[in-house]
Amino acid sequence: MAKTKAPAKRGRKPAAKKPVESAVPAAVAKATNAVEKAVAAQSKQKERVTAAETKLKQAKVKAAGPKATAATKRSVATATNAVKTQKEKLSELTQKVAEAKKDLKIAELKARIEATAAKAEETVKSYAKTLADKAEADLEKALTKFATQWRSKRDKQDARKVKARTTAENKKVATASKKIESSIKALEAKPAAKRGRPAKAAAPAKATTAPKKRGRPAKATAPAKAAPKKRGRPAKAATATKAATTAAPKKRGRPAKATTAKAAPKKAAAKKTAAAKPAAAPKKRGRPAKAATTAVKAPAKPAAAKAAPKKRGRPPKAAASKPAAPAPAPAAEEKKDSSES
């Protein structure tokens, strides 16, 4: 009958056992085992030497007896060789034991060196750990101190900034308050608006005026504006002839032919005779030929004006004097004569 298989165990497997580290180094343990083996071999070899020596004694006793034979004498030599061989082997094993002990001593010394190095390393590690712990503690102290100093310094800076900002905001508030107070005063001074639709204003009485005239209205005469003051050197004084010409208002269209004062009565008489005569030839188109006029000479300037030197700069303001009445233009005289006729 086949054996039934045991059911598999469920659950976590047990953790593997860690090898227990021996206090004795491996090299020392190995050297110790070698010494023990060499000593054991030496002890066995000593027993063999003792047995060979016993045989040699017995062979010598037999060879010294009366019944000694050649074989007994040879056995003495054989026993002697065996003792010698066993002793040689014992000496070799003794040498091996000495070498094993020497190796053990060397291993122990090396183990001591390693132990010293390990101890020094452990000391260094513990010292490094102590320094690291101390560094962490010192760092925490330094950080706490720095944080305290930094916070105090930053608090002072922030306080100054807050003070400056408060002053600026207070100024803004004061300005806004003034504006609002002025608006409040204006509202208080103004009466409150009445509810409902305001009453209609009475229509003004219509004035009875003349009926409106059709067409474009006459141009309104603009009030005479005072001449603006001119900067710089004043213009030169105009002569009498220039004043006469500028004073006369300009007329639109072609000017009338100029005639002298002497020729005016002759022209009037000619016009009377022409009215009595029948219609003459038609007038020619175009501008008529210029008639010879008497040139009006300008009055001579006084000698004192020529002799006075010109002054630089702006002249002093002269007293306002009314300008002389302009002389009548010759064209105006001609027009008057024609109207009289």
Protein backbone atom coordinates (compact mmCIF):
# COMPACT_ATOMS: atom_id res chain seq x y z
CA MET A 1 0.00 0.00 0.00
CA ALA A 2 1.42 3.38 -1.05
CA LYS A 3 2.17 5.91 1.64
CA THR A 4 -0.17 8.89 1.73
CA LYS A 5 1.48 12.25 1.20
CA ALA A 6 1.34 14.60 4.16
CA PRO A 7 -0.77 17.72 3.53
CA ALA A 8 1.20 20.86 2.69
CA LYS A 9 1.44 23.38 5.49
CA ARG A 10 -0.12 26.73 4.71
CA GLY A 11 0.95 30.11 5.97
CA ARG A 12 4.15 32.12 6.01
CA LYS A 13 7.38 30.18 5.89
CA PRO A 14 9.61 30.60 8.91
CA ALA A 15 12.48 33.02 8.39
CA ALA A 16 15.87 31.46 7.73
CA LYS A 17 18.09 31.43 10.76
CA LYS A 18 20.99 33.81 10.49
CA PRO A 19 24.38 32.21 11.07
CA VAL A 20 25.67 33.04 14.52
CA GLU A 21 28.91 34.91 14.20
CA SER A 22 31.60 33.20 16.31
CA ALA A 23 33.68 35.34 18.58
CA VAL A 24 36.86 33.57 17.30
CA PRO A 25 38.01 34.63 13.83
CA ALA A 26 38.01 32.00 11.09
CA ALA A 27 41.79 32.10 10.61
CA VAL A 28 42.41 31.49 14.32
CA ALA A 29 39.88 28.64 14.38
CA LYS A 30 41.53 27.04 11.34
CA ALA A 31 44.99 27.34 12.87
CA THR A 32 43.68 25.89 16.14
CA ASN A 33 42.23 22.87 14.28
CA ALA A 34 45.55 22.37 12.49
CA VAL A 35 47.41 22.44 15.79
CA GLU A 36 45.00 19.97 17.32
CA LYS A 37 45.39 17.60 14.36
CA ALA A 38 49.20 17.87 14.47
CA VAL A 39 49.21 17.20 18.22
CA ALA A 40 46.93 14.19 17.76
CA ALA A 41 49.20 12.83 15.04
CA GLN A 42 52.20 13.46 17.26
CA SER A 43 50.59 11.58 20.15
CA LYS A 44 49.87 8.59 17.91
CA GLN A 45 53.39 8.67 16.58
CA LYS A 46 54.72 8.73 20.11
CA GLU A 47 52.73 5.58 20.84
CA ARG A 48 54.22 3.93 17.76
CA VAL A 49 57.72 4.92 18.82
CA THR A 50 57.07 3.46 22.28
CA ALA A 51 55.82 0.20 20.72
CA ALA A 52 58.85 0.02 18.43
CA GLU A 53 61.17 0.58 21.37
CA THR A 54 59.39 -2.20 23.31
CA LYS A 55 59.88 -4.60 20.39
CA LEU A 56 63.53 -3.59 20.19
CA LYS A 57 64.02 -4.38 23.88
CA GLN A 58 62.37 -7.76 23.44
CA ALA A 59 64.51 -8.53 20.37
CA LYS A 60 67.66 -7.61 22.28
CA VAL A 61 66.64 -9.85 25.16
CA LYS A 62 66.09 -12.75 22.79
CA ALA A 63 69.33 -12.12 20.93
CA ALA A 64 71.27 -12.04 24.26
CA GLY A 65 69.78 -15.42 25.33
CA PRO A 66 71.54 -18.80 24.87
CA LYS A 67 69.15 -19.84 22.22
CA ALA A 68 69.79 -16.79 20.04
CA THR A 69 69.77 -17.43 16.36
CA ALA A 70 70.59 -15.36 13.33
CA ALA A 71 66.93 -14.53 12.90
CA THR A 72 66.73 -13.10 16.37
CA LYS A 73 69.83 -11.04 15.68
CA ARG A 74 68.23 -9.79 12.43
CA SER A 75 65.04 -8.96 14.33
CA VAL A 76 67.10 -6.72 16.60
CA ALA A 77 68.37 -4.82 13.57
CA THR A 78 64.86 -4.66 12.12
CA ALA A 79 63.44 -3.39 15.42
CA THR A 80 66.23 -0.84 15.65
CA ASN A 81 65.41 0.42 12.11
CA ALA A 82 61.71 0.54 12.97
CA VAL A 83 62.41 2.60 16.09
CA LYS A 84 64.60 4.91 14.06
CA THR A 85 61.90 5.29 11.37
CA GLN A 86 59.18 5.94 13.93
CA LYS A 87 61.32 8.51 15.69
CA GLU A 88 61.98 10.29 12.38
CA LYS A 89 58.26 10.40 11.76
CA LEU A 90 57.74 11.69 15.31
CA SER A 91 60.26 14.42 14.75
CA GLU A 92 58.44 15.42 11.54
CA LEU A 93 55.13 15.50 13.34
CA THR A 94 56.71 17.47 16.18
CA GLN A 95 57.93 19.98 13.58
CA LYS A 96 54.43 20.15 12.11
CA VAL A 97 52.99 20.75 15.57
CA ALA A 98 55.49 23.57 16.10
CA GLU A 99 54.63 25.10 12.72
CA ALA A 100 50.91 24.75 13.46
CA LYS A 101 51.38 26.47 16.79
CA LYS A 102 53.39 29.18 15.08
CA ASP A 103 50.63 29.63 12.49
CA LEU A 104 48.11 29.78 15.32
CA LYS A 105 50.14 32.48 17.02
CA ILE A 106 50.37 34.44 13.77
CA ALA A 107 46.64 34.04 13.21
CA GLU A 108 45.93 35.24 16.71
CA LEU A 109 48.17 38.27 16.19
CA LYS A 110 46.48 39.02 12.87
CA ALA A 111 43.12 38.58 14.53
CA ARG A 112 44.22 41.01 17.20
CA ILE A 113 45.20 43.50 14.49
CA GLU A 114 41.84 43.02 12.81
CA ALA A 115 40.09 43.35 16.14
CA THR A 116 42.01 46.52 16.86
CA ALA A 117 41.15 47.88 13.41
CA ALA A 118 37.52 46.90 13.87
CA LYS A 119 37.48 48.50 17.28
CA ALA A 120 39.04 51.66 15.84
CA GLU A 121 36.51 51.64 13.02
CA GLU A 122 33.70 51.18 15.51
CA THR A 123 35.11 54.03 17.58
CA VAL A 124 35.29 56.24 14.47
CA LYS A 125 31.73 55.33 13.53
CA SER A 126 30.43 56.07 16.99
CA TYR A 127 32.41 59.34 17.02
CA ALA A 128 31.02 60.28 13.58
CA LYS A 129 27.51 59.48 14.79
CA THR A 130 28.09 61.62 17.87
CA LEU A 131 29.33 64.49 15.70
CA ALA A 132 26.35 64.12 13.34
CA ASP A 133 23.93 64.20 16.27
CA LYS A 134 25.72 67.23 17.66
CA ALA A 135 25.67 68.91 14.22
CA GLU A 136 21.92 68.35 13.96
CA ALA A 137 21.44 69.81 17.43
CA ASP A 138 23.70 72.81 16.61
CA LEU A 139 21.88 73.29 13.29
CA GLU A 140 18.54 73.39 15.04
CA LYS A 141 19.89 75.94 17.52
CA ALA A 142 21.42 78.06 14.70
CA LEU A 143 18.23 77.87 12.65
CA THR A 144 16.15 78.87 15.65
CA LYS A 145 18.47 81.80 16.37
CA PHE A 146 18.58 82.88 12.71
CA ALA A 147 14.81 82.56 12.40
CA THR A 148 14.33 84.72 15.48
CA GLN A 149 16.73 87.40 14.22
CA TRP A 150 15.31 87.30 10.69
CA ARG A 151 11.73 87.54 11.94
CA SER A 152 12.54 90.50 14.19
CA LYS A 153 14.31 92.30 11.33
CA ARG A 154 11.50 91.52 8.91
CA ASP A 155 8.88 92.63 11.41
CA LYS A 156 10.61 96.02 11.69
CA GLN A 157 10.75 96.39 7.90
CA ASP A 158 7.10 95.37 7.57
CA ALA A 159 6.13 97.81 10.32
CA ARG A 160 7.83 100.67 8.42
CA LYS A 161 6.08 99.66 5.19
CA VAL A 162 2.72 99.40 6.97
CA LYS A 163 3.23 102.85 8.49
CA ALA A 164 4.03 104.39 5.09
CA ARG A 165 1.05 102.63 3.50
CA THR A 166 -1.21 103.76 6.34
CA THR A 167 -0.11 107.38 5.81
CA ALA A 168 -0.79 107.13 2.06
CA GLU A 169 -4.19 105.53 2.60
CA ASN A 170 -5.09 108.15 5.23
CA LYS A 171 -4.28 110.89 2.71
CA LYS A 172 -6.51 109.19 0.16
CA VAL A 173 -9.29 108.89 2.75
CA ALA A 174 -8.92 112.58 3.71
CA THR A 175 -9.08 113.68 0.06
CA ALA A 176 -12.09 111.49 -0.64
CA SER A 177 -13.78 112.69 2.58
CA LYS A 178 -13.32 116.33 1.57
CA LYS A 179 -14.90 115.68 -1.82
CA ILE A 180 -17.79 113.76 -0.28
CA GLU A 181 -18.33 116.48 2.38
CA SER A 182 -18.46 119.14 -0.31
CA SER A 183 -21.03 117.04 -2.20
CA ILE A 184 -23.04 116.63 1.04
CA LYS A 185 -22.98 120.41 1.65
CA ALA A 186 -24.13 121.05 -1.93
CA LEU A 187 -26.99 118.58 -1.50
CA GLU A 188 -27.96 120.09 1.85
CA ALA A 189 -28.05 123.59 0.36
CA LYS A 190 -30.20 122.44 -2.57
CA PRO A 191 -33.93 122.06 -1.78
CA ALA A 192 -35.46 118.62 -2.14
CA ALA A 193 -37.22 117.91 -5.42
CA LYS A 194 -41.05 117.93 -5.29
CA ARG A 195 -42.94 114.87 -6.43
CA GLY A 196 -45.31 115.00 -9.38
CA ARG A 197 -45.29 116.72 -12.75
CA PRO A 198 -44.26 120.41 -12.59
CA ALA A 199 -46.85 123.07 -13.54
CA LYS A 200 -46.75 124.38 -17.07
CA ALA A 201 -45.13 127.78 -17.46
CA ALA A 202 -47.42 130.60 -18.63
CA ALA A 203 -46.86 131.44 -22.29
CA PRO A 204 -45.46 134.97 -22.79
CA ALA A 205 -47.76 137.52 -24.42
CA LYS A 206 -47.10 137.90 -28.08
CA ALA A 207 -46.05 141.40 -29.07
CA THR A 208 -47.87 142.94 -32.00
CA THR A 209 -45.14 143.60 -34.46
CA ALA A 210 -45.00 144.40 -38.10
CA PRO A 211 -45.56 141.53 -40.51
CA LYS A 212 -42.47 139.68 -41.62
CA LYS A 213 -40.98 140.72 -44.92
CA ARG A 214 -40.18 138.17 -47.56
CA GLY A 215 -36.68 137.70 -48.88
CA ARG A 216 -33.25 137.90 -47.36
CA PRO A 217 -33.02 140.25 -44.37
CA ALA A 218 -30.73 143.26 -44.51
CA LYS A 219 -27.21 142.76 -43.24
CA ALA A 220 -26.70 143.95 -39.71
CA THR A 221 -24.11 146.66 -39.35
CA ALA A 222 -21.30 145.26 -37.28
CA PRO A 223 -20.05 147.52 -34.48
CA ALA A 224 -16.73 149.14 -35.24
CA LYS A 225 -13.94 147.27 -33.48
CA ALA A 226 -10.94 149.09 -32.10
CA ALA A 227 -7.81 148.50 -34.14
CA PRO A 228 -5.47 146.05 -32.38
CA LYS A 229 -2.14 147.36 -31.20
CA LYS A 230 0.74 146.49 -33.49
CA ARG A 231 4.06 145.33 -32.10
CA GLY A 232 7.40 146.64 -33.32
CA ARG A 233 8.38 149.82 -35.11
CA PRO A 234 5.40 152.00 -36.19
CA ALA A 235 4.76 152.65 -39.88
CA LYS A 236 6.09 155.82 -41.49
CA ALA A 237 3.71 158.82 -41.50
CA ALA A 238 1.72 159.00 -44.79
CA THR A 239 1.86 162.15 -46.93
CA ALA A 240 -1.12 164.41 -47.56
CA THR A 241 -1.78 162.84 -50.98
CA LYS A 242 -1.73 159.34 -49.58
CA ALA A 243 -4.05 160.36 -46.73
CA ALA A 244 -6.43 161.89 -49.29
CA THR A 245 -6.48 158.76 -51.43
CA THR A 246 -6.83 156.33 -48.53
CA ALA A 247 -9.58 158.36 -46.85
CA ALA A 248 -11.94 158.14 -49.86
CA PRO A 249 -14.12 155.00 -49.80
CA LYS A 250 -13.49 152.56 -52.63
CA LYS A 251 -16.24 152.19 -55.21
CA ARG A 252 -17.02 149.04 -57.12
CA GLY A 253 -16.84 148.97 -60.95
CA ARG A 254 -14.90 151.06 -63.42
CA PRO A 255 -13.98 154.52 -62.05
CA ALA A 256 -15.24 157.65 -63.78
CA LYS A 257 -12.89 159.55 -66.05
CA ALA A 258 -10.90 162.12 -64.15
CA THR A 259 -11.28 165.74 -65.35
CA THR A 260 -9.58 168.90 -64.16
CA ALA A 261 -11.39 171.68 -62.32
CA LYS A 262 -11.06 174.02 -65.34
CA ALA A 263 -12.51 171.54 -67.79
CA ALA A 264 -15.59 170.85 -65.63
CA PRO A 265 -17.70 173.86 -66.83
CA LYS A 266 -16.71 173.17 -70.43
CA LYS A 267 -17.86 169.59 -70.10
CA ALA A 268 -21.18 170.73 -68.59
CA ALA A 269 -21.78 173.09 -71.52
CA ALA A 270 -20.92 170.34 -73.99
CA LYS A 271 -23.42 168.07 -72.33
CA LYS A 272 -26.16 170.77 -72.67
CA THR A 273 -25.49 171.14 -76.38
CA ALA A 274 -25.43 167.40 -76.82
CA ALA A 275 -28.86 167.13 -75.24
CA ALA A 276 -30.20 169.67 -77.79
CA LYS A 277 -28.63 167.81 -80.75
CA PRO A 278 -30.11 164.63 -82.20
CA ALA A 279 -28.77 161.19 -81.15
CA ALA A 280 -25.11 160.86 -82.00
CA ALA A 281 -23.16 157.80 -83.05
CA PRO A 282 -23.23 154.86 -80.58
CA LYS A 283 -20.55 154.69 -77.88
CA LYS A 284 -17.53 152.52 -78.40
CA ARG A 285 -17.06 149.47 -76.21
CA GLY A 286 -13.96 149.06 -74.09
CA ARG A 287 -11.99 151.15 -71.71
CA PRO A 288 -11.70 154.84 -72.85
CA ALA A 289 -8.34 156.53 -73.22
CA LYS A 290 -6.90 158.02 -70.07
CA ALA A 291 -7.30 161.74 -69.79
CA ALA A 292 -4.36 163.91 -68.73
CA THR A 293 -4.64 164.87 -65.11
CA THR A 294 -2.87 167.49 -63.17
CA ALA A 295 -0.40 165.85 -60.81
CA VAL A 296 -0.85 166.90 -57.27
CA LYS A 297 2.43 167.52 -55.65
CA ALA A 298 2.95 166.45 -52.09
CA PRO A 299 3.71 169.20 -49.63
CA ALA A 300 7.37 169.55 -48.81
CA LYS A 301 8.50 168.21 -45.47
CA PRO A 302 9.82 170.69 -42.99
CA ALA A 303 13.58 171.09 -42.67
CA ALA A 304 13.50 170.32 -38.97
CA ALA A 305 12.13 166.79 -39.72
CA LYS A 306 15.01 166.07 -42.08
CA ALA A 307 17.63 167.36 -39.68
CA ALA A 308 16.42 165.29 -36.65
CA PRO A 309 18.36 161.94 -36.38
CA LYS A 310 16.41 158.71 -36.26
CA LYS A 311 16.11 157.05 -32.85
CA ARG A 312 16.44 153.29 -32.34
CA GLY A 313 13.82 151.23 -30.53
CA ARG A 314 10.12 151.71 -29.99
CA PRO A 315 9.09 155.44 -30.11
CA PRO A 316 7.04 156.89 -27.22
CA LYS A 317 3.29 156.77 -27.52
CA ALA A 318 1.98 159.99 -29.17
CA ALA A 319 -1.08 161.78 -27.83
CA ALA A 320 -4.18 160.75 -29.78
CA SER A 321 -5.04 163.54 -32.20
CA LYS A 322 -7.92 163.62 -34.62
CA PRO A 323 -6.76 163.18 -38.22
CA ALA A 324 -7.35 166.00 -40.66
CA ALA A 325 -10.37 165.75 -42.92
CA PRO A 326 -9.34 164.15 -46.22
CA ALA A 327 -9.36 166.26 -49.32
CA PRO A 328 -12.20 165.54 -51.74
CA ALA A 329 -11.24 163.38 -54.66
CA PRO A 330 -11.39 164.86 -58.18
CA ALA A 331 -13.86 162.15 -59.17
CA ALA A 332 -16.23 163.38 -56.48
CA GLU A 333 -16.00 166.94 -57.87
CA GLU A 334 -16.83 165.70 -61.35
CA LYS A 335 -19.83 163.84 -60.02
CA LYS A 336 -21.04 166.99 -58.22
CA ASP A 337 -20.71 169.13 -61.39
CA SER A 338 -22.64 166.62 -63.38
CA SER A 339 -25.44 166.62 -60.81
CA GLU A 340 -25.64 170.46 -60.84
CA SER A 341 -25.95 170.51 -64.58
